[in-house]
Each structure stands twice: as C-alpha cells, then as structure tokens.
Amino acid sequence: MADKGDQNANPRGFAGKTVSAEEMLKSQTVGLVHLSDFRKRRAEVLEQKEREAHDKSLGRLGSGNSKSATPSTGDVTDGSSAAPSDEPPKKKKKKKLPAKSKLSFGDDADDEDTGADSAATPSSISRSGSKTPGEEGVIPASTRIKANPNARPPPKAVTKASLQSEAQVRETLRKEFLAMQEAIKNTEILIPFVFFDGTRIPGGSVKVKKGDPIWLFLDRCRKVGAELGVGGGGDGAAKAKKNNRREWARISVDDLMLVRGDVIVPQHYEFYHFIANQVPSFSKQGGLLFDYSNKPPSDKPSDDPLYKPNNDQLEGADKEAAETKVVDRRWYERNKHIYPASLWLEYEPGKEFEEKMTSTRRDASGNTFFF
C-alpha cells in the first residue's frame, strides 16, 4: 500500500515523457510580469527539449535516466535549475543557437538577452555587416569583377543638347571641307599638250584651274591652235598658215577630244573629279590619269595680293606633253579602227571600265588583236 501511495504522490517518473514544452512553459511562467523574463524562460525550455531530442537520437539517454525528467510543476521560478550542469550539453548549446531565428518573436530582443553567445553566431555577424569577405581577403579569383575589354562603350544619352552639339560639329566640318575643296579647285595648274592627227604636233601648254571643266581646256587649246596656225581641219594635210588659222576659228569645241594616254576624257567632267578621286591611268606604266596634288595649296611665298606665279612655277610644268592629246573628232571617226586610235576608250566611272581597260588583248607592241 505504501508503494501505491508513493506512486500516486510522486508521478515524476512518467512526467518526463509526457509533458510538452508548452506545459513546461506555462508552469514556469506563472506570476511573471516582464516580457523579457517570459522570452528567457521560453528560450530555455526550447533549448532543453532540443538537447533531449538530440541526446536521445545519439543514444545517450536510457529509458530510466532521470536527467531527461522535467522539473516539477510546483514552485519553480528559476529557469537555470532546469538546465543540466554537465559540460557536453553546454557545448551543444552554441551549435543550436541559429535555430532561434525560426521563432515568431523578434530577433532583436533575443540578441539583447542572449549576450555574448548570440554575438558569436554566424547570423548575427552577417546581419551586423562588420566584416566582409573582401576585408578578410578570401574572395576567390572566379568571383572577382573585371572589365571586359571587348565590351562596347555605353551608349550616350540622346538629349536635345547633345543633338545640337553634334549638329554644330557636323556643320563646322562641312564648312571646313567646302573651304578646302574650294581652295583646291581655285589652284592653277599647267597642262602641256600636243595636237594629234596621226602625228604629234607641239601645241605648248595651257593654264587652267583644277576646278575647270574639260571643255574649257579644249577651247583654250583651240585658240592656241589658231594663234600658231598648226595643221587642223581633220585631213592632216600641210596647208598655209593663214588657212589653218581660219580652220581653227571655224572648229567648234564639240568637235575636239581630249585623250589622256588611252582614255578619252568626256568634256563635261572637271579636272577636280580625276584629281580628288585619283583615277588611275590604266597604262602599263601605271600612275594616275591626272597626276596632280589633291591637297590645298600652301601659303603664298609673297604677301603681295597681286602676286602671280610664272608658268614655270605652276604645278604640271614638268609633265610630258605627249600624254595629253587634243584630237579632232572627225579625224577620230575616220581612223578609230587604226592603231593607236583603236585602243582608245571613253572614260566611264566604275569597275566595268577598269575591266575593259585591263581585259583588252594586245600584242607585244601594244596593238589590239582583232578576231
């Protein structure tokens, strides 16, 4: 009977397995007033239950071990008496502290209550931001940010001010180019030439500007032929000087042709077109069709505004006259099947004309084959 009475009076041997954490928290928080005390009791109860579950999973606790028993529901006011005094559970306590972040209560109040233990946890260090991986020098090489040398430059913001600035720059460059182009076109050059009617008749030289058209050059050549009284009129026969002058006076500019090498230069082109574009001569010797400078002239050697250079000082004075031929178109129509007129082709801009000039089959003397 005494045994039965003892069992009814002291049921602690069975309470450790059936009492839940909520019941333990209720029994320990009876009469508490402050919220901080409640949080402290709650944390201790949860830690104790976690330690018991961990020790049970490791097989450290037996079925009759009294360490797992819960404190009585009597006069328990200090939560420290419920925690075991052995060292191994204290070491486990620091490992289980990160689980406190899963509770519904605020983490800030828990951090203030736990003190130094919570400050040692990784979560508190990461939230405080006092240390970064870069300060400790442990950033791996694969995660370091490097500039991409192949990346395109970032696009500029299209604003009204930037558009106006670009428009002003383009306008300035356009005016500079037009001024340079005008200076080149106004530069005087000297073109030596010969009259050609099967034979080369010296004609002297004509002074023109780089921006002048071809027909103006031919008109001046016609006047030179009338002054010299050289043979003309298309028949190539020797006549009196007076009659030759009359014939050159009656010749129209449309009846004359300018042949540069083997290229017939149309009259509506300007010299500047061939100089600026550096059109090749399509000859075996190579070079340009009109080998003159495409740069603006340098400053004048004299400050005199009326200064004019002599013909010998002009560009082109040392050119060979035989390369520039002034031909009567009527003579060309009668003799275009005979060498050298059979090699002449009228200039056309583009690669097709280059192919025509380079694909023509000729013998060792330069004569064209006729099949």
Protein backbone atom coordinates (compact mmCIF):
# COMPACT_ATOMS: atom_id res chain seq x y z
CA MET A 1 0.00 0.00 0.00
CA ALA A 2 2.81 2.30 0.78
CA ASP A 3 4.25 1.67 -2.69
CA LYS A 4 0.96 2.58 -4.37
CA GLY A 5 0.70 5.75 -2.31
CA ASP A 6 4.20 6.77 -3.22
CA GLN A 7 3.49 6.25 -6.90
CA ASN A 8 0.35 8.40 -6.76
CA ALA A 9 2.06 11.12 -4.76
CA ASN A 10 5.17 11.29 -6.94
CA PRO A 11 4.40 10.73 -10.62
CA ARG A 12 7.70 12.35 -11.81
CA GLY A 13 8.97 9.16 -13.27
CA PHE A 14 6.28 9.35 -16.00
CA ALA A 15 6.05 13.15 -16.42
CA GLY A 16 9.37 13.45 -18.34
CA LYS A 17 8.00 11.56 -21.29
CA THR A 18 4.54 13.09 -21.48
CA VAL A 19 4.95 16.77 -20.51
CA SER A 20 5.25 19.01 -23.59
CA ALA A 21 7.24 22.20 -23.98
CA GLU A 22 4.09 24.31 -23.83
CA GLU A 23 3.08 22.82 -20.48
CA MET A 24 6.56 23.31 -19.08
CA LEU A 25 6.50 26.96 -20.25
CA LYS A 26 3.13 27.52 -18.58
CA SER A 27 4.33 26.03 -15.30
CA GLN A 28 7.50 28.17 -15.25
CA THR A 29 5.88 31.46 -16.23
CA VAL A 30 3.18 31.59 -13.58
CA GLY A 31 3.28 35.01 -11.95
CA LEU A 32 5.76 36.61 -14.41
CA VAL A 33 5.23 40.27 -15.24
CA HIS A 34 8.01 41.27 -17.66
CA LEU A 35 8.14 40.18 -21.29
CA SER A 36 11.89 39.75 -21.16
CA ASP A 37 11.52 37.09 -18.43
CA PHE A 38 8.94 35.25 -20.50
CA ARG A 39 11.22 35.20 -23.52
CA LYS A 40 14.10 33.96 -21.42
CA ARG A 41 12.03 31.09 -20.00
CA ARG A 42 10.73 30.21 -23.44
CA ALA A 43 14.24 30.03 -24.92
CA GLU A 44 15.49 27.83 -22.07
CA VAL A 45 12.58 25.42 -22.40
CA LEU A 46 13.03 25.06 -26.15
CA GLU A 47 16.77 24.54 -25.80
CA GLN A 48 16.21 21.87 -23.18
CA LYS A 49 13.74 20.00 -25.37
CA GLU A 50 16.13 20.20 -28.32
CA ARG A 51 19.01 18.85 -26.23
CA GLU A 52 16.87 15.97 -25.01
CA ALA A 53 15.83 15.12 -28.55
CA HIS A 54 19.45 15.32 -29.73
CA ASP A 55 20.77 13.16 -26.89
CA LYS A 56 18.02 10.62 -27.44
CA SER A 57 18.92 10.37 -31.13
CA LEU A 58 22.55 9.68 -30.15
CA GLY A 59 21.52 7.01 -27.61
CA ARG A 60 22.99 8.87 -24.68
CA LEU A 61 19.84 8.72 -22.55
CA GLY A 62 18.37 5.47 -21.26
CA SER A 63 14.73 4.69 -20.66
CA GLY A 64 15.07 5.34 -16.93
CA ASN A 65 17.53 8.19 -16.94
CA SER A 66 16.48 10.86 -14.54
CA LYS A 67 18.28 13.67 -16.47
CA SER A 68 15.52 13.82 -19.03
CA ALA A 69 12.82 14.33 -16.42
CA THR A 70 11.15 17.69 -16.37
CA PRO A 71 11.07 19.83 -13.24
CA SER A 72 8.01 19.63 -11.09
CA THR A 73 5.08 21.89 -11.71
CA GLY A 74 5.42 23.24 -8.19
CA ASP A 75 7.36 26.24 -7.02
CA VAL A 76 9.82 26.56 -9.94
CA THR A 77 10.78 30.16 -10.55
CA ASP A 78 14.41 30.00 -11.76
CA GLY A 79 14.96 28.59 -15.21
CA SER A 80 18.62 27.86 -14.55
CA SER A 81 17.68 24.94 -12.26
CA ALA A 82 16.05 23.13 -15.19
CA ALA A 83 19.25 23.22 -17.29
CA PRO A 84 21.70 20.37 -16.68
CA SER A 85 25.10 21.16 -15.18
CA ASP A 86 27.15 18.78 -17.41
CA GLU A 87 29.70 20.31 -19.81
CA PRO A 88 28.72 18.45 -23.05
CA PRO A 89 25.21 19.94 -23.15
CA LYS A 90 26.71 23.45 -22.74
CA LYS A 91 28.88 22.87 -25.79
CA LYS A 92 25.82 21.78 -27.77
CA LYS A 93 24.03 24.96 -26.76
CA LYS A 94 26.15 27.17 -29.07
CA LYS A 95 25.54 24.89 -32.04
CA LYS A 96 21.76 25.07 -31.66
CA LEU A 97 21.53 28.84 -31.28
CA PRO A 98 20.92 29.53 -35.04
CA ALA A 99 17.55 27.73 -34.66
CA LYS A 100 16.30 30.72 -32.66
CA SER A 101 15.78 32.66 -35.90
CA LYS A 102 12.82 30.40 -36.68
CA LEU A 103 10.78 31.70 -33.72
CA SER A 104 7.90 34.08 -34.26
CA PHE A 105 9.18 36.69 -31.81
CA GLY A 106 11.56 39.46 -32.83
CA ASP A 107 15.24 38.63 -33.17
CA ASP A 108 16.41 41.96 -31.83
CA ALA A 109 15.14 41.30 -28.28
CA ASP A 110 16.66 37.80 -28.30
CA ASP A 111 20.04 39.19 -29.32
CA GLU A 112 19.99 41.60 -26.38
CA ASP A 113 19.10 38.84 -23.87
CA THR A 114 21.48 36.14 -25.07
CA GLY A 115 24.55 38.45 -24.85
CA ALA A 116 27.91 37.12 -25.95
CA ASP A 117 26.55 33.73 -27.07
CA SER A 118 24.33 35.22 -29.76
CA ALA A 119 27.08 37.61 -30.91
CA ALA A 120 29.25 34.62 -31.80
CA THR A 121 26.69 33.11 -34.18
CA PRO A 122 27.17 33.46 -37.99
CA SER A 123 23.71 35.01 -38.43
CA SER A 124 24.50 37.95 -36.13
CA ILE A 125 27.79 38.58 -37.89
CA SER A 126 26.13 38.63 -41.29
CA ARG A 127 23.39 41.00 -40.10
CA SER A 128 25.78 43.42 -38.48
CA GLY A 129 27.88 43.68 -41.61
CA SER A 130 31.05 44.43 -39.63
CA LYS A 131 33.15 42.07 -41.76
CA THR A 132 33.05 41.36 -45.46
CA PRO A 133 34.79 38.69 -47.50
CA GLY A 134 36.83 41.37 -49.23
CA GLU A 135 38.31 42.61 -45.92
CA GLU A 136 39.41 39.12 -44.96
CA GLY A 137 40.99 38.54 -48.42
CA VAL A 138 39.15 35.32 -49.17
CA ILE A 139 37.42 36.36 -52.41
CA PRO A 140 38.04 33.61 -54.99
CA ALA A 141 39.50 34.57 -58.34
CA SER A 142 36.43 33.36 -60.22
CA THR A 143 34.15 35.88 -58.48
CA ARG A 144 36.32 38.97 -58.89
CA ILE A 145 34.82 41.66 -61.11
CA LYS A 146 36.97 42.50 -64.13
CA ALA A 147 36.46 44.91 -67.00
CA ASN A 148 35.56 43.32 -70.32
CA PRO A 149 37.96 44.71 -72.97
CA ASN A 150 35.66 43.55 -75.78
CA ALA A 151 32.58 45.28 -74.41
CA ARG A 152 31.10 48.08 -76.47
CA PRO A 153 31.13 51.57 -74.98
CA PRO A 154 27.89 52.51 -73.28
CA PRO A 155 25.51 54.47 -75.49
CA LYS A 156 25.35 58.16 -74.93
CA ALA A 157 22.17 59.72 -73.72
CA VAL A 158 20.30 61.29 -76.62
CA THR A 159 19.34 64.72 -75.38
CA LYS A 160 18.49 67.95 -77.09
CA ALA A 161 21.81 69.49 -76.05
CA SER A 162 23.82 66.54 -77.41
CA LEU A 163 21.93 66.61 -80.71
CA GLN A 164 22.58 70.32 -81.09
CA SER A 165 26.26 69.82 -80.27
CA GLU A 166 26.61 67.07 -82.88
CA ALA A 167 24.81 69.20 -85.46
CA GLN A 168 27.19 72.09 -84.79
CA VAL A 169 30.23 69.83 -85.14
CA ARG A 170 28.93 68.43 -88.44
CA GLU A 171 28.22 71.90 -89.75
CA THR A 172 31.72 73.06 -88.78
CA LEU A 173 33.34 70.09 -90.51
CA ARG A 174 31.18 70.62 -93.59
CA LYS A 175 32.24 74.26 -93.86
CA GLU A 176 35.89 73.31 -93.41
CA PHE A 177 35.63 70.68 -96.15
CA LEU A 178 33.91 73.10 -98.55
CA ALA A 179 36.57 75.72 -97.88
CA MET A 180 39.34 73.19 -98.52
CA GLN A 181 37.59 71.95 -101.66
CA GLU A 182 37.19 75.49 -102.95
CA ALA A 183 40.86 76.21 -102.31
CA ILE A 184 41.87 73.12 -104.29
CA LYS A 185 39.57 73.99 -107.19
CA ASN A 186 40.96 77.52 -107.40
CA THR A 187 44.55 76.27 -107.66
CA GLU A 188 46.06 76.91 -111.09
CA ILE A 189 47.92 74.17 -112.93
CA LEU A 190 49.73 73.93 -116.24
CA ILE A 191 48.86 71.19 -118.76
CA PRO A 192 51.26 70.66 -121.68
CA PHE A 193 49.61 69.08 -124.74
CA VAL A 194 50.06 68.19 -128.42
CA PHE A 195 47.71 68.25 -131.40
CA PHE A 196 47.28 64.74 -132.78
CA ASP A 197 46.14 63.81 -136.28
CA GLY A 198 48.26 60.72 -136.74
CA THR A 199 51.34 62.74 -135.92
CA ARG A 200 52.24 64.75 -132.83
CA ILE A 201 52.15 68.49 -133.43
CA PRO A 202 53.52 70.53 -130.47
CA GLY A 203 50.88 72.81 -129.05
CA GLY A 204 52.55 74.24 -125.98
CA SER A 205 50.76 74.40 -122.62
CA VAL A 206 47.52 75.80 -121.25
CA LYS A 207 46.92 77.20 -117.78
CA VAL A 208 43.68 76.14 -116.12
CA LYS A 209 42.31 75.63 -112.63
CA LYS A 210 41.71 72.28 -111.03
CA GLY A 211 38.00 73.02 -110.87
CA ASP A 212 37.65 73.94 -114.55
CA PRO A 213 35.75 71.60 -116.91
CA ILE A 214 37.41 69.75 -119.77
CA TRP A 215 35.62 71.74 -122.46
CA LEU A 216 37.22 74.96 -121.20
CA PHE A 217 40.65 73.42 -121.63
CA LEU A 218 39.75 72.35 -125.19
CA ASP A 219 38.51 75.83 -126.01
CA ARG A 220 41.82 77.35 -124.92
CA CYS A 221 43.67 74.72 -126.92
CA ARG A 222 41.61 75.71 -129.98
CA LYS A 223 42.71 79.33 -129.52
CA VAL A 224 46.34 78.24 -129.21
CA GLY A 225 46.00 76.30 -132.48
CA ALA A 226 44.55 79.35 -134.21
CA GLU A 227 47.43 81.55 -132.99
CA LEU A 228 50.08 79.06 -134.01
CA GLY A 229 48.38 78.18 -137.32
CA VAL A 230 49.12 74.49 -136.90
CA GLY A 231 47.57 71.89 -139.21
CA GLY A 232 43.96 71.05 -138.46
CA GLY A 233 40.61 70.58 -140.01
CA GLY A 234 40.76 66.81 -139.83
CA ASP A 235 42.62 65.98 -143.04
CA GLY A 236 46.17 66.28 -141.66
CA ALA A 237 47.49 67.83 -144.90
CA ALA A 238 50.01 70.66 -144.92
CA LYS A 239 48.33 73.97 -145.66
CA ALA A 240 49.19 77.58 -145.47
CA LYS A 241 49.36 79.13 -142.04
CA LYS A 242 46.61 81.60 -142.87
CA ASN A 243 44.21 78.88 -143.92
CA ASN A 244 45.00 76.86 -140.79
CA ARG A 245 44.05 79.80 -138.63
CA ARG A 246 40.74 80.09 -140.41
CA GLU A 247 40.04 76.38 -139.96
CA TRP A 248 40.79 76.53 -136.22
CA ALA A 249 38.47 79.54 -135.91
CA ARG A 250 35.65 77.54 -137.52
CA ILE A 251 36.20 74.42 -135.37
CA SER A 252 33.71 74.03 -132.53
CA VAL A 253 34.65 72.79 -129.08
CA ASP A 254 32.29 69.85 -129.59
CA ASP A 255 34.49 68.75 -132.48
CA LEU A 256 37.54 68.37 -130.24
CA MET A 257 38.51 65.47 -127.96
CA LEU A 258 40.92 65.21 -125.04
CA VAL A 259 42.78 61.90 -124.96
CA ARG A 260 44.88 61.22 -121.89
CA GLY A 261 47.01 58.14 -122.55
CA ASP A 262 44.47 55.68 -123.98
CA VAL A 263 41.44 57.23 -122.23
CA ILE A 264 39.04 59.63 -123.92
CA VAL A 265 38.07 62.16 -121.27
CA PRO A 266 34.46 63.44 -121.64
CA GLN A 267 34.08 67.21 -121.82
CA HIS A 268 31.51 67.57 -119.02
CA TYR A 269 33.92 66.32 -116.32
CA GLU A 270 36.08 68.61 -114.21
CA PHE A 271 39.77 68.10 -113.61
CA TYR A 272 38.98 68.03 -109.90
CA HIS A 273 36.98 64.80 -110.33
CA PHE A 274 40.04 62.90 -111.55
CA ILE A 275 42.44 64.62 -109.13
CA ALA A 276 40.34 64.15 -105.99
CA ASN A 277 39.35 60.54 -106.79
CA GLN A 278 42.89 59.64 -108.00
CA VAL A 279 41.65 57.88 -111.12
CA PRO A 280 44.38 55.56 -112.50
CA SER A 281 45.77 55.96 -115.99
CA PHE A 282 45.17 52.26 -116.94
CA SER A 283 48.53 52.16 -118.71
CA LYS A 284 51.44 49.76 -118.39
CA GLN A 285 53.49 52.44 -116.66
CA GLY A 286 50.77 52.90 -114.02
CA GLY A 287 50.22 56.17 -112.19
CA LEU A 288 47.24 58.49 -112.19
CA LEU A 289 45.29 59.85 -115.12
CA PHE A 290 45.94 63.42 -113.88
CA ASP A 291 48.86 63.27 -111.50
CA TYR A 292 48.27 66.49 -109.57
CA SER A 293 48.08 67.15 -105.84
CA ASN A 294 44.69 66.75 -104.14
CA LYS A 295 45.74 68.88 -101.16
CA PRO A 296 45.09 72.61 -100.68
CA PRO A 297 47.99 74.83 -101.76
CA SER A 298 50.48 76.15 -99.28
CA ASP A 299 50.79 79.82 -98.36
CA LYS A 300 51.98 82.19 -100.99
CA PRO A 301 55.71 82.99 -100.88
CA SER A 302 54.90 86.69 -101.11
CA ASP A 303 52.47 88.91 -99.24
CA ASP A 304 51.66 90.85 -102.38
CA PRO A 305 47.95 90.30 -103.19
CA LEU A 306 48.70 90.81 -106.90
CA TYR A 307 51.39 88.15 -106.91
CA LYS A 308 51.01 85.57 -109.66
CA PRO A 309 53.49 82.74 -110.16
CA ASN A 310 55.13 82.22 -113.51
CA ASN A 311 54.11 79.33 -115.70
CA ASP A 312 57.33 77.55 -114.87
CA GLN A 313 56.43 77.67 -111.19
CA LEU A 314 52.97 76.15 -111.65
CA GLU A 315 52.26 72.53 -110.90
CA GLY A 316 52.45 70.39 -114.03
CA ALA A 317 55.01 72.45 -115.89
CA ASP A 318 57.37 69.45 -115.94
CA LYS A 319 54.78 66.98 -117.28
CA GLU A 320 55.25 65.26 -120.61
CA ALA A 321 53.19 66.87 -123.36
CA ALA A 322 52.76 63.66 -125.39
CA GLU A 323 50.47 62.20 -122.71
CA THR A 324 47.79 64.84 -123.39
CA LYS A 325 46.45 64.78 -126.94
CA VAL A 326 43.92 67.18 -128.48
CA VAL A 327 42.20 65.35 -131.35
CA ASP A 328 39.68 66.40 -133.98
CA ARG A 329 36.64 64.20 -133.53
CA ARG A 330 36.08 63.96 -137.30
CA TRP A 331 39.56 62.55 -137.77
CA TYR A 332 38.91 60.04 -134.96
CA GLU A 333 35.69 58.78 -136.59
CA ARG A 334 37.58 58.07 -139.82
CA ASN A 335 40.57 56.40 -138.14
CA LYS A 336 39.24 54.77 -134.95
CA HIS A 337 39.92 51.28 -136.37
CA ILE A 338 43.62 52.09 -136.87
CA TYR A 339 46.27 51.98 -134.19
CA PRO A 340 46.60 53.87 -131.84
CA ALA A 341 43.02 55.18 -132.05
CA SER A 342 41.78 51.58 -131.89
CA LEU A 343 42.96 51.38 -128.27
CA TRP A 344 41.14 54.48 -127.07
CA LEU A 345 38.09 54.08 -124.83
CA GLU A 346 35.82 56.76 -123.41
CA TYR A 347 36.02 57.06 -119.63
CA GLU A 348 33.18 55.67 -117.52
CA PRO A 349 33.22 55.71 -113.71
CA GLY A 350 33.10 52.28 -112.10
CA LYS A 351 34.82 48.91 -112.14
CA GLU A 352 33.36 47.90 -115.50
CA PHE A 353 35.57 50.43 -117.25
CA GLU A 354 38.63 49.15 -115.39
CA GLU A 355 37.83 45.62 -116.57
CA LYS A 356 37.53 46.84 -120.15
CA MET A 357 40.91 48.54 -119.99
CA THR A 358 42.66 45.59 -118.37
CA SER A 359 40.98 42.78 -120.36
CA THR A 360 41.84 44.11 -123.83
CA ARG A 361 44.22 41.65 -125.54
CA ARG A 362 47.23 43.25 -127.15
CA ASP A 363 50.46 42.06 -128.76
CA ALA A 364 53.98 42.81 -127.53
CA SER A 365 53.92 46.19 -129.30
CA GLY A 366 50.63 47.17 -127.71
CA ASN A 367 48.43 46.55 -130.76
CA THR A 368 44.94 45.14 -130.20
CA PHE A 369 44.09 41.71 -131.63
CA PHE A 370 41.12 41.62 -133.99
CA PHE A 371 39.33 38.25 -134.41
